[in-house]
Amino acid sequence: MVQWEISDGEVDYDTALEKMDNHVGKMISGEAGEKIWLLEHPPLYTAGTSADKKDLVEPNRFPIFETKRGGQYTYHGPSQRVVYVMLDLNKRGKDIKKFVKNLEAWIIHTLAEFNVVGQSRSGRVGIWVERPDKPRSNGGLLKEEKIAAIGVRLRKWITLHGLSINVDPDLSHFQGIVPCGIKEHGVTSLVDLGLPVSMTDLDNALRKSFSKVF
């Protein structure tokens, strides 16, 4: 059985990392089981192992945390659901690529609960939505915007970090970085798409969709 925890209010990033690390340590020693932790952070930027300093546009805007997860620069903040995924791939198959694909599928199933078509893109980690309501590119392509980010790490085949989905964050806060190093595509949220979705609505959809993938 996977344990689910939902934290009220904003959790400091260092506090969250310490708690996640401690739980994974207990999983490795056999003292704890798998866990999904749903939370929100105060406004901050995180730098993954592939972060490029030139993508940090406004270094003094919010606190910046170096992290050992994969990926580049990411924003976390209020009204964005952060999902820390602590699963044991020793039991679920030692395949990190499959695990990331499963995270993508989980997000896509979750968004489908709100009739949002989320899509993965080769070479672009995360989940994207097409915006036919916005002007097309110079090449006539539909505009695409990112609605969910993914960044993971493994320790003895136990997963850390996970994903984030934008419910109704202040989208201007993403302007202090080049999100995930991608300049040509924007960022959106469920509310920005015109959907009055609450954090509780999203949490319920996440729980419902989890079993479809994992």
C-alpha atoms as a PDB file:
ATOM      1  CA  MET A   1       0.000   0.000   0.000  1.00  0.00           C
ATOM      2  CA  VAL A   2       1.228   3.470  -0.897  1.00  0.00           C
ATOM      3  CA  GLN A   3       0.854   6.053   1.863  1.00  0.00           C
ATOM      4  CA  TRP A   4      -0.583   9.422   0.821  1.00  0.00           C
ATOM      5  CA  GLU A   5       0.133  12.622   2.730  1.00  0.00           C
ATOM      6  CA  ILE A   6      -1.253  16.104   2.054  1.00  0.00           C
ATOM      7  CA  SER A   7       0.347  19.097   3.774  1.00  0.00           C
ATOM      8  CA  ASP A   8      -1.686  22.212   4.487  1.00  0.00           C
ATOM      9  CA  GLY A   9      -0.002  25.563   3.950  1.00  0.00           C
ATOM     10  CA  GLU A  10       3.401  26.136   2.405  1.00  0.00           C
ATOM     11  CA  VAL A  11       6.318  23.859   3.284  1.00  0.00           C
ATOM     12  CA  ASP A  12       9.850  25.324   3.249  1.00  0.00           C
ATOM     13  CA  TYR A  13      12.006  23.674   0.613  1.00  0.00           C
ATOM     14  CA  ASP A  14      14.829  22.613   2.947  1.00  0.00           C
ATOM     15  CA  THR A  15      12.289  21.187   5.397  1.00  0.00           C
ATOM     16  CA  ALA A  16      10.644  19.209   2.603  1.00  0.00           C
ATOM     17  CA  LEU A  17      13.953  17.825   1.322  1.00  0.00           C
ATOM     18  CA  GLU A  18      14.989  16.717   4.801  1.00  0.00           C
ATOM     19  CA  LYS A  19      11.654  14.981   5.368  1.00  0.00           C
ATOM     20  CA  MET A  20      11.770  13.281   1.972  1.00  0.00           C
ATOM     21  CA  ASP A  21      15.373  12.163   2.460  1.00  0.00           C
ATOM     22  CA  ASN A  22      14.561  10.774   5.904  1.00  0.00           C
ATOM     23  CA  HIS A  23      11.605   8.801   4.575  1.00  0.00           C
ATOM     24  CA  VAL A  24      13.615   7.345   1.697  1.00  0.00           C
ATOM     25  CA  GLY A  25      16.332   6.375   4.171  1.00  0.00           C
ATOM     26  CA  LYS A  26      13.726   4.472   6.162  1.00  0.00           C
ATOM     27  CA  MET A  27      12.468   2.810   2.973  1.00  0.00           C
ATOM     28  CA  ILE A  28      16.001   1.628   2.195  1.00  0.00           C
ATOM     29  CA  SER A  29      16.369   0.168   5.694  1.00  0.00           C
ATOM     30  CA  GLY A  30      12.949  -1.481   5.492  1.00  0.00           C
ATOM     31  CA  GLU A  31      11.385   0.724   8.170  1.00  0.00           C
ATOM     32  CA  ALA A  32       8.900   2.519   5.892  1.00  0.00           C
ATOM     33  CA  GLY A  33       6.823   1.870   2.806  1.00  0.00           C
ATOM     34  CA  GLU A  34       6.165   3.811  -0.388  1.00  0.00           C
ATOM     35  CA  LYS A  35       4.740   7.300  -0.121  1.00  0.00           C
ATOM     36  CA  ILE A  36       3.208  10.087  -2.223  1.00  0.00           C
ATOM     37  CA  TRP A  37       3.467  13.529  -0.617  1.00  0.00           C
ATOM     38  CA  LEU A  38       1.334  16.432  -1.894  1.00  0.00           C
ATOM     39  CA  LEU A  39       2.389  19.931  -0.864  1.00  0.00           C
ATOM     40  CA  GLU A  40       2.980  23.552  -1.833  1.00  0.00           C
ATOM     41  CA  HIS A  41       6.153  25.604  -1.503  1.00  0.00           C
ATOM     42  CA  PRO A  42       6.625  29.341  -1.005  1.00  0.00           C
ATOM     43  CA  PRO A  43       7.941  31.087  -4.162  1.00  0.00           C
ATOM     44  CA  LEU A  44      11.387  29.727  -5.078  1.00  0.00           C
ATOM     45  CA  TYR A  45      13.549  28.482  -7.911  1.00  0.00           C
ATOM     46  CA  THR A  46      15.313  25.122  -7.967  1.00  0.00           C
ATOM     47  CA  ALA A  47      18.325  24.198 -10.080  1.00  0.00           C
ATOM     48  CA  GLY A  48      18.575  20.609 -11.261  1.00  0.00           C
ATOM     49  CA  THR A  49      21.765  18.814 -12.222  1.00  0.00           C
ATOM     50  CA  SER A  50      21.549  20.125 -15.817  1.00  0.00           C
ATOM     51  CA  ALA A  51      20.829  23.781 -14.908  1.00  0.00           C
ATOM     52  CA  ASP A  52      22.608  26.427 -16.999  1.00  0.00           C
ATOM     53  CA  LYS A  53      23.357  29.706 -15.191  1.00  0.00           C
ATOM     54  CA  LYS A  54      22.351  31.719 -18.256  1.00  0.00           C
ATOM     55  CA  ASP A  55      18.775  30.460 -17.760  1.00  0.00           C
ATOM     56  CA  LEU A  56      18.590  32.212 -14.378  1.00  0.00           C
ATOM     57  CA  VAL A  57      17.211  35.522 -15.665  1.00  0.00           C
ATOM     58  CA  GLU A  58      16.483  37.200 -12.310  1.00  0.00           C
ATOM     59  CA  PRO A  59      18.789  35.670  -9.676  1.00  0.00           C
ATOM     60  CA  ASN A  60      17.574  38.000  -6.933  1.00  0.00           C
ATOM     61  CA  ARG A  61      13.851  37.503  -7.437  1.00  0.00           C
ATOM     62  CA  PHE A  62      13.311  34.418  -5.241  1.00  0.00           C
ATOM     63  CA  PRO A  63      15.510  32.068  -3.196  1.00  0.00           C
ATOM     64  CA  ILE A  64      17.406  29.563  -5.330  1.00  0.00           C
ATOM     65  CA  PHE A  65      18.027  25.995  -4.220  1.00  0.00           C
ATOM     66  CA  GLU A  66      20.589  23.675  -5.771  1.00  0.00           C
ATOM     67  CA  THR A  67      19.063  20.200  -5.902  1.00  0.00           C
ATOM     68  CA  LYS A  68      20.249  16.770  -6.971  1.00  0.00           C
ATOM     69  CA  ARG A  69      17.204  16.007  -9.087  1.00  0.00           C
ATOM     70  CA  GLY A  70      17.527  15.781 -12.837  1.00  0.00           C
ATOM     71  CA  GLY A  71      16.516  18.691 -15.052  1.00  0.00           C
ATOM     72  CA  GLN A  72      17.178  22.401 -15.208  1.00  0.00           C
ATOM     73  CA  TYR A  73      15.610  25.465 -13.533  1.00  0.00           C
ATOM     74  CA  THR A  74      12.093  25.128 -12.170  1.00  0.00           C
ATOM     75  CA  TYR A  75       9.759  27.433 -10.247  1.00  0.00           C
ATOM     76  CA  HIS A  76       7.691  26.299  -7.290  1.00  0.00           C
ATOM     77  CA  GLY A  77       5.144  28.434  -5.484  1.00  0.00           C
ATOM     78  CA  PRO A  78       1.656  28.829  -4.033  1.00  0.00           C
ATOM     79  CA  SER A  79      -1.240  27.270  -5.971  1.00  0.00           C
ATOM     80  CA  GLN A  80       1.101  24.831  -7.672  1.00  0.00           C
ATOM     81  CA  ARG A  81       0.762  21.224  -6.545  1.00  0.00           C
ATOM     82  CA  VAL A  82       4.130  19.632  -5.889  1.00  0.00           C
ATOM     83  CA  VAL A  83       4.075  15.833  -5.755  1.00  0.00           C
ATOM     84  CA  TYR A  84       7.025  14.077  -4.141  1.00  0.00           C
ATOM     85  CA  VAL A  85       7.017  10.477  -5.321  1.00  0.00           C
ATOM     86  CA  MET A  86       8.829   7.940  -3.128  1.00  0.00           C
ATOM     87  CA  LEU A  87       8.429   4.583  -4.864  1.00  0.00           C
ATOM     88  CA  ASP A  88      10.580   1.456  -4.749  1.00  0.00           C
ATOM     89  CA  LEU A  89      11.752   0.569  -8.251  1.00  0.00           C
ATOM     90  CA  ASN A  90      13.427  -2.543  -6.846  1.00  0.00           C
ATOM     91  CA  LYS A  91       9.889  -3.924  -6.746  1.00  0.00           C
ATOM     92  CA  ARG A  92       8.463  -2.021  -9.712  1.00  0.00           C
ATOM     93  CA  GLY A  93      11.216  -2.662 -12.262  1.00  0.00           C
ATOM     94  CA  LYS A  94      14.625  -0.979 -12.389  1.00  0.00           C
ATOM     95  CA  ASP A  95      13.851   1.183 -15.400  1.00  0.00           C
ATOM     96  CA  ILE A  96      14.193   4.935 -14.916  1.00  0.00           C
ATOM     97  CA  LYS A  97      12.960   5.749 -18.428  1.00  0.00           C
ATOM     98  CA  LYS A  98       9.820   3.717 -17.835  1.00  0.00           C
ATOM     99  CA  PHE A  99       9.331   5.453 -14.487  1.00  0.00           C
ATOM    100  CA  VAL A 100       9.480   8.910 -16.105  1.00  0.00           C
ATOM    101  CA  LYS A 101       7.070   7.751 -18.818  1.00  0.00           C
ATOM    102  CA  ASN A 102       4.732   6.544 -16.075  1.00  0.00           C
ATOM    103  CA  LEU A 103       4.896   9.942 -14.380  1.00  0.00           C
ATOM    104  CA  GLU A 104       3.983  11.544 -17.698  1.00  0.00           C
ATOM    105  CA  ALA A 105       1.086   9.112 -18.155  1.00  0.00           C
ATOM    106  CA  TRP A 106      -0.104   9.795 -14.599  1.00  0.00           C
ATOM    107  CA  ILE A 107      -0.219  13.532 -15.267  1.00  0.00           C
ATOM    108  CA  ILE A 108      -1.988  13.013 -18.607  1.00  0.00           C
ATOM    109  CA  HIS A 109      -4.658  10.820 -16.983  1.00  0.00           C
ATOM    110  CA  THR A 110      -5.062  13.382 -14.187  1.00  0.00           C
ATOM    111  CA  LEU A 111      -5.536  16.283 -16.606  1.00  0.00           C
ATOM    112  CA  ALA A 112      -8.033  14.217 -18.590  1.00  0.00           C
ATOM    113  CA  GLU A 113     -10.283  14.288 -15.510  1.00  0.00           C
ATOM    114  CA  PHE A 114     -10.762  17.983 -16.359  1.00  0.00           C
ATOM    115  CA  ASN A 115     -11.013  17.401 -20.118  1.00  0.00           C
ATOM    116  CA  VAL A 116      -7.531  18.814 -20.640  1.00  0.00           C
ATOM    117  CA  VAL A 117      -5.420  17.052 -23.271  1.00  0.00           C
ATOM    118  CA  GLY A 118      -1.905  16.852 -21.887  1.00  0.00           C
ATOM    119  CA  GLN A 119       0.855  15.692 -24.198  1.00  0.00           C
ATOM    120  CA  SER A 120       4.465  14.634 -23.855  1.00  0.00           C
ATOM    121  CA  ARG A 121       7.054  15.844 -26.341  1.00  0.00           C
ATOM    122  CA  SER A 122      10.284  14.161 -27.425  1.00  0.00           C
ATOM    123  CA  GLY A 123      13.245  16.059 -26.023  1.00  0.00           C
ATOM    124  CA  ARG A 124      11.031  18.147 -23.707  1.00  0.00           C
ATOM    125  CA  VAL A 125      10.439  16.596 -20.306  1.00  0.00           C
ATOM    126  CA  GLY A 126       7.105  17.556 -18.778  1.00  0.00           C
ATOM    127  CA  ILE A 127       3.551  17.813 -20.025  1.00  0.00           C
ATOM    128  CA  TRP A 128       2.293  20.338 -22.556  1.00  0.00           C
ATOM    129  CA  VAL A 129      -1.066  21.613 -23.777  1.00  0.00           C
ATOM    130  CA  GLU A 130      -1.864  23.123 -27.144  1.00  0.00           C
ATOM    131  CA  ARG A 131      -3.392  26.616 -27.184  1.00  0.00           C
ATOM    132  CA  PRO A 132      -5.567  27.063 -30.289  1.00  0.00           C
ATOM    133  CA  ASP A 133      -6.943  30.217 -28.623  1.00  0.00           C
ATOM    134  CA  LYS A 134      -3.555  31.950 -29.021  1.00  0.00           C
ATOM    135  CA  PRO A 135      -1.740  33.186 -32.146  1.00  0.00           C
ATOM    136  CA  ARG A 136       0.159  30.510 -34.042  1.00  0.00           C
ATOM    137  CA  SER A 137       3.910  30.584 -34.536  1.00  0.00           C
ATOM    138  CA  ASN A 138       5.504  32.107 -37.629  1.00  0.00           C
ATOM    139  CA  GLY A 139       5.595  28.601 -39.064  1.00  0.00           C
ATOM    140  CA  GLY A 140       1.858  28.192 -38.500  1.00  0.00           C
ATOM    141  CA  LEU A 141       2.232  25.767 -35.600  1.00  0.00           C
ATOM    142  CA  LEU A 142      -0.118  25.773 -32.642  1.00  0.00           C
ATOM    143  CA  LYS A 143       1.250  27.435 -29.543  1.00  0.00           C
ATOM    144  CA  GLU A 144       2.167  24.983 -26.785  1.00  0.00           C
ATOM    145  CA  GLU A 145       2.503  25.770 -23.091  1.00  0.00           C
ATOM    146  CA  LYS A 146       3.842  23.725 -20.206  1.00  0.00           C
ATOM    147  CA  ILE A 147       1.417  22.795 -17.446  1.00  0.00           C
ATOM    148  CA  ALA A 148       3.471  20.220 -15.510  1.00  0.00           C
ATOM    149  CA  ALA A 149       7.161  19.681 -14.771  1.00  0.00           C
ATOM    150  CA  ILE A 150       9.034  16.480 -13.921  1.00  0.00           C
ATOM    151  CA  GLY A 151      12.358  16.067 -12.137  1.00  0.00           C
ATOM    152  CA  VAL A 152      13.487  12.898 -10.388  1.00  0.00           C
ATOM    153  CA  ARG A 153      16.397  11.342  -8.577  1.00  0.00           C
ATOM    154  CA  LEU A 154      17.163   7.765  -7.478  1.00  0.00           C
ATOM    155  CA  ARG A 155      18.861   6.423  -4.376  1.00  0.00           C
ATOM    156  CA  LYS A 156      19.322   2.649  -4.318  1.00  0.00           C
ATOM    157  CA  TRP A 157      16.444   2.497  -6.820  1.00  0.00           C
ATOM    158  CA  ILE A 158      14.129   4.462  -4.525  1.00  0.00           C
ATOM    159  CA  THR A 159      12.669   7.538  -6.238  1.00  0.00           C
ATOM    160  CA  LEU A 160      12.879  11.085  -4.868  1.00  0.00           C
ATOM    161  CA  HIS A 161      11.385  14.396  -6.015  1.00  0.00           C
ATOM    162  CA  GLY A 162       8.723  13.919  -8.701  1.00  0.00           C
ATOM    163  CA  LEU A 163       6.460  16.403 -10.434  1.00  0.00           C
ATOM    164  CA  SER A 164       4.536  19.644 -10.188  1.00  0.00           C
ATOM    165  CA  ILE A 165       1.245  20.679 -11.770  1.00  0.00           C
ATOM    166  CA  ASN A 166       0.148  24.295 -12.149  1.00  0.00           C
ATOM    167  CA  VAL A 167      -3.298  24.837 -10.650  1.00  0.00           C
ATOM    168  CA  ASP A 168      -3.324  28.632 -10.295  1.00  0.00           C
ATOM    169  CA  PRO A 169       0.195  29.937  -9.578  1.00  0.00           C
ATOM    170  CA  ASP A 170       1.262  33.469 -10.475  1.00  0.00           C
ATOM    171  CA  LEU A 171       2.552  32.724 -13.979  1.00  0.00           C
ATOM    172  CA  SER A 172       4.660  35.901 -13.979  1.00  0.00           C
ATOM    173  CA  HIS A 173       6.905  34.210 -11.400  1.00  0.00           C
ATOM    174  CA  PHE A 174       8.196  31.897 -14.128  1.00  0.00           C
ATOM    175  CA  GLN A 175       9.716  34.919 -15.883  1.00  0.00           C
ATOM    176  CA  GLY A 176      12.728  34.936 -13.563  1.00  0.00           C
ATOM    177  CA  ILE A 177      14.039  31.767 -15.225  1.00  0.00           C
ATOM    178  CA  VAL A 178      13.972  29.990 -18.556  1.00  0.00           C
ATOM    179  CA  PRO A 179      11.788  27.091 -17.366  1.00  0.00           C
ATOM    180  CA  CYS A 180      13.583  23.816 -18.079  1.00  0.00           C
ATOM    181  CA  GLY A 181      15.813  25.705 -20.529  1.00  0.00           C
ATOM    182  CA  ILE A 182      13.039  26.098 -23.118  1.00  0.00           C
ATOM    183  CA  LYS A 183      12.569  29.668 -24.384  1.00  0.00           C
ATOM    184  CA  GLU A 184      10.184  29.139 -27.284  1.00  0.00           C
ATOM    185  CA  HIS A 185       7.231  27.831 -25.273  1.00  0.00           C
ATOM    186  CA  GLY A 186       5.287  29.405 -22.435  1.00  0.00           C
ATOM    187  CA  VAL A 187       3.729  28.194 -19.207  1.00  0.00           C
ATOM    188  CA  THR A 188       0.059  27.750 -18.336  1.00  0.00           C
ATOM    189  CA  SER A 189      -2.158  26.464 -15.525  1.00  0.00           C
ATOM    190  CA  LEU A 190      -5.562  24.858 -15.122  1.00  0.00           C
ATOM    191  CA  VAL A 191      -7.121  28.176 -14.129  1.00  0.00           C
ATOM    192  CA  ASP A 192      -5.324  29.960 -16.982  1.00  0.00           C
ATOM    193  CA  LEU A 193      -7.029  27.458 -19.294  1.00  0.00           C
ATOM    194  CA  GLY A 194     -10.373  28.681 -17.951  1.00  0.00           C
ATOM    195  CA  LEU A 195     -11.008  25.833 -15.523  1.00  0.00           C
ATOM    196  CA  PRO A 196     -12.028  26.711 -11.945  1.00  0.00           C
ATOM    197  CA  VAL A 197     -10.113  23.759 -10.493  1.00  0.00           C
ATOM    198  CA  SER A 198      -9.197  23.730  -6.791  1.00  0.00           C
ATOM    199  CA  MET A 199      -6.204  22.033  -5.212  1.00  0.00           C
ATOM    200  CA  THR A 200      -8.571  19.476  -3.668  1.00  0.00           C
ATOM    201  CA  ASP A 201     -10.053  18.742  -7.106  1.00  0.00           C
ATOM    202  CA  LEU A 202      -6.573  18.072  -8.442  1.00  0.00           C
ATOM    203  CA  ASP A 203      -5.606  15.917  -5.468  1.00  0.00           C
ATOM    204  CA  ASN A 204      -8.681  13.753  -5.981  1.00  0.00           C
ATOM    205  CA  ALA A 205      -7.847  13.369  -9.671  1.00  0.00           C
ATOM    206  CA  LEU A 206      -4.241  12.442  -8.839  1.00  0.00           C
ATOM    207  CA  ARG A 207      -5.373   9.697  -6.473  1.00  0.00           C
ATOM    208  CA  LYS A 208      -7.940   8.380  -8.935  1.00  0.00           C
ATOM    209  CA  SER A 209      -5.435   8.294 -11.811  1.00  0.00           C
ATOM    210  CA  PHE A 210      -2.513   6.812  -9.862  1.00  0.00           C
ATOM    211  CA  SER A 211      -3.796   3.237 -10.039  1.00  0.00           C
ATOM    212  CA  LYS A 212      -4.249   3.488 -13.811  1.00  0.00           C
ATOM    213  CA  VAL A 213      -0.480   3.763 -14.217  1.00  0.00           C
ATOM    214  CA  PHE A 214       1.198   2.408 -11.107  1.00  0.00           C
END
